[in-house]
Amino acid sequence: MAIDPICDMEVDEEEAEYKTEYKGKTYYFCAPGCKAQFEEDPEKYL
């Protein structure tokens, strides 16, 4: 399980609908809003 960097929710990498790559690493999200928020300013959440 991965942890959504925005809301700290557990996300199953196998079934995650929302994911993005940043600096060679894949991040998984529980919802499109969390993904969009991360993509606006990734460094803020890392």
N, C-alpha and C. Protein backbone atom coordinates (compact mmCIF):
# COMPACT_ATOMS: atom_id res chain seq x y z
N MET A 1 0.84 -1.20 0.00
CA MET A 1 0.00 0.00 0.00
C MET A 1 0.88 1.25 0.00
N ALA A 2 0.44 2.23 -0.75
CA ALA A 2 1.12 3.52 -0.78
C ALA A 2 0.33 4.50 0.09
N ILE A 3 0.97 5.58 0.45
CA ILE A 3 0.30 6.62 1.25
C ILE A 3 0.11 7.85 0.37
N ASP A 4 -1.12 8.32 0.28
CA ASP A 4 -1.43 9.54 -0.45
C ASP A 4 -0.69 10.69 0.26
N PRO A 5 0.21 11.39 -0.46
CA PRO A 5 0.99 12.44 0.21
C PRO A 5 0.17 13.66 0.62
N ILE A 6 -1.04 13.78 0.14
CA ILE A 6 -1.88 14.92 0.51
C ILE A 6 -2.67 14.64 1.79
N CYS A 7 -3.37 13.50 1.83
CA CYS A 7 -4.28 13.25 2.95
C CYS A 7 -3.85 12.07 3.83
N ASP A 8 -2.72 11.44 3.53
CA ASP A 8 -2.16 10.32 4.31
C ASP A 8 -3.03 9.06 4.29
N MET A 9 -3.95 8.97 3.35
CA MET A 9 -4.78 7.78 3.22
C MET A 9 -4.00 6.68 2.50
N GLU A 10 -4.26 5.43 2.89
CA GLU A 10 -3.62 4.31 2.21
C GLU A 10 -4.27 4.09 0.85
N VAL A 11 -3.44 3.84 -0.16
CA VAL A 11 -3.92 3.63 -1.53
C VAL A 11 -3.26 2.36 -2.07
N ASP A 12 -4.05 1.47 -2.63
CA ASP A 12 -3.54 0.24 -3.22
C ASP A 12 -2.94 0.57 -4.59
N GLU A 13 -1.63 0.36 -4.73
CA GLU A 13 -0.95 0.69 -5.99
C GLU A 13 -1.52 -0.08 -7.17
N GLU A 14 -1.97 -1.29 -6.93
CA GLU A 14 -2.50 -2.14 -8.00
C GLU A 14 -3.82 -1.60 -8.56
N GLU A 15 -4.60 -0.94 -7.73
CA GLU A 15 -5.93 -0.50 -8.14
C GLU A 15 -6.09 1.02 -8.19
N ALA A 16 -5.02 1.75 -7.95
CA ALA A 16 -5.10 3.21 -7.90
C ALA A 16 -5.46 3.79 -9.27
N GLU A 17 -6.50 4.60 -9.29
CA GLU A 17 -6.90 5.28 -10.52
C GLU A 17 -6.07 6.54 -10.73
N TYR A 18 -5.64 7.15 -9.63
CA TYR A 18 -4.98 8.45 -9.69
C TYR A 18 -3.53 8.32 -9.27
N LYS A 19 -2.63 8.61 -10.19
CA LYS A 19 -1.20 8.55 -9.87
C LYS A 19 -0.46 9.52 -10.77
N THR A 20 0.71 9.90 -10.33
CA THR A 20 1.55 10.80 -11.11
C THR A 20 3.01 10.48 -10.81
N GLU A 21 3.88 10.81 -11.74
CA GLU A 21 5.31 10.63 -11.52
C GLU A 21 5.94 11.98 -11.27
N TYR A 22 6.87 11.99 -10.33
CA TYR A 22 7.60 13.21 -10.02
C TYR A 22 9.01 12.83 -9.65
N LYS A 23 9.98 13.37 -10.36
CA LYS A 23 11.40 13.09 -10.12
C LYS A 23 11.67 11.58 -10.08
N GLY A 24 11.06 10.84 -11.01
CA GLY A 24 11.33 9.42 -11.15
C GLY A 24 10.59 8.51 -10.17
N LYS A 25 9.76 9.06 -9.32
CA LYS A 25 9.00 8.26 -8.37
C LYS A 25 7.50 8.40 -8.66
N THR A 26 6.76 7.30 -8.49
CA THR A 26 5.32 7.35 -8.69
C THR A 26 4.62 7.59 -7.36
N TYR A 27 3.70 8.53 -7.38
CA TYR A 27 2.89 8.85 -6.20
C TYR A 27 1.45 8.48 -6.50
N TYR A 28 0.77 7.94 -5.51
CA TYR A 28 -0.60 7.45 -5.67
C TYR A 28 -1.54 8.28 -4.82
N PHE A 29 -2.77 8.47 -5.35
CA PHE A 29 -3.74 9.34 -4.69
C PHE A 29 -5.09 8.67 -4.58
N CYS A 30 -5.85 9.06 -3.56
CA CYS A 30 -7.16 8.48 -3.31
C CYS A 30 -8.23 9.10 -4.20
N ALA A 31 -8.00 10.32 -4.67
CA ALA A 31 -9.02 11.05 -5.42
C ALA A 31 -8.36 12.05 -6.38
N PRO A 32 -9.09 12.49 -7.40
CA PRO A 32 -8.51 13.43 -8.36
C PRO A 32 -8.13 14.78 -7.73
N GLY A 33 -8.83 15.17 -6.68
CA GLY A 33 -8.51 16.43 -6.01
C GLY A 33 -7.14 16.39 -5.35
N CYS A 34 -6.82 15.27 -4.73
CA CYS A 34 -5.50 15.12 -4.10
C CYS A 34 -4.40 15.13 -5.16
N LYS A 35 -4.65 14.46 -6.26
CA LYS A 35 -3.67 14.42 -7.36
C LYS A 35 -3.43 15.83 -7.90
N ALA A 36 -4.50 16.58 -8.14
CA ALA A 36 -4.37 17.94 -8.67
C ALA A 36 -3.64 18.85 -7.70
N GLN A 37 -3.94 18.71 -6.42
CA GLN A 37 -3.29 19.54 -5.40
C GLN A 37 -1.79 19.25 -5.37
N PHE A 38 -1.41 17.98 -5.44
CA PHE A 38 0.00 17.60 -5.45
C PHE A 38 0.69 18.17 -6.68
N GLU A 39 0.06 18.04 -7.84
CA GLU A 39 0.69 18.48 -9.09
C GLU A 39 0.88 19.99 -9.15
N GLU A 40 0.11 20.76 -8.39
CA GLU A 40 0.28 22.21 -8.35
C GLU A 40 1.60 22.60 -7.69
N ASP A 41 1.99 21.85 -6.64
CA ASP A 41 3.21 22.19 -5.89
C ASP A 41 3.75 20.93 -5.19
N PRO A 42 4.34 20.01 -5.95
CA PRO A 42 4.81 18.74 -5.36
C PRO A 42 5.77 18.91 -4.19
N GLU A 43 6.67 19.87 -4.28
CA GLU A 43 7.68 20.03 -3.23
C GLU A 43 7.05 20.35 -1.88
N LYS A 44 5.89 20.98 -1.88
CA LYS A 44 5.22 21.33 -0.64
C LYS A 44 4.83 20.08 0.16
N TYR A 45 4.59 18.96 -0.54
CA TYR A 45 4.09 17.75 0.12
C TYR A 45 5.14 16.67 0.31
N LEU A 46 6.37 16.96 -0.09
CA LEU A 46 7.43 15.95 0.06
C LEU A 46 8.36 16.28 1.21
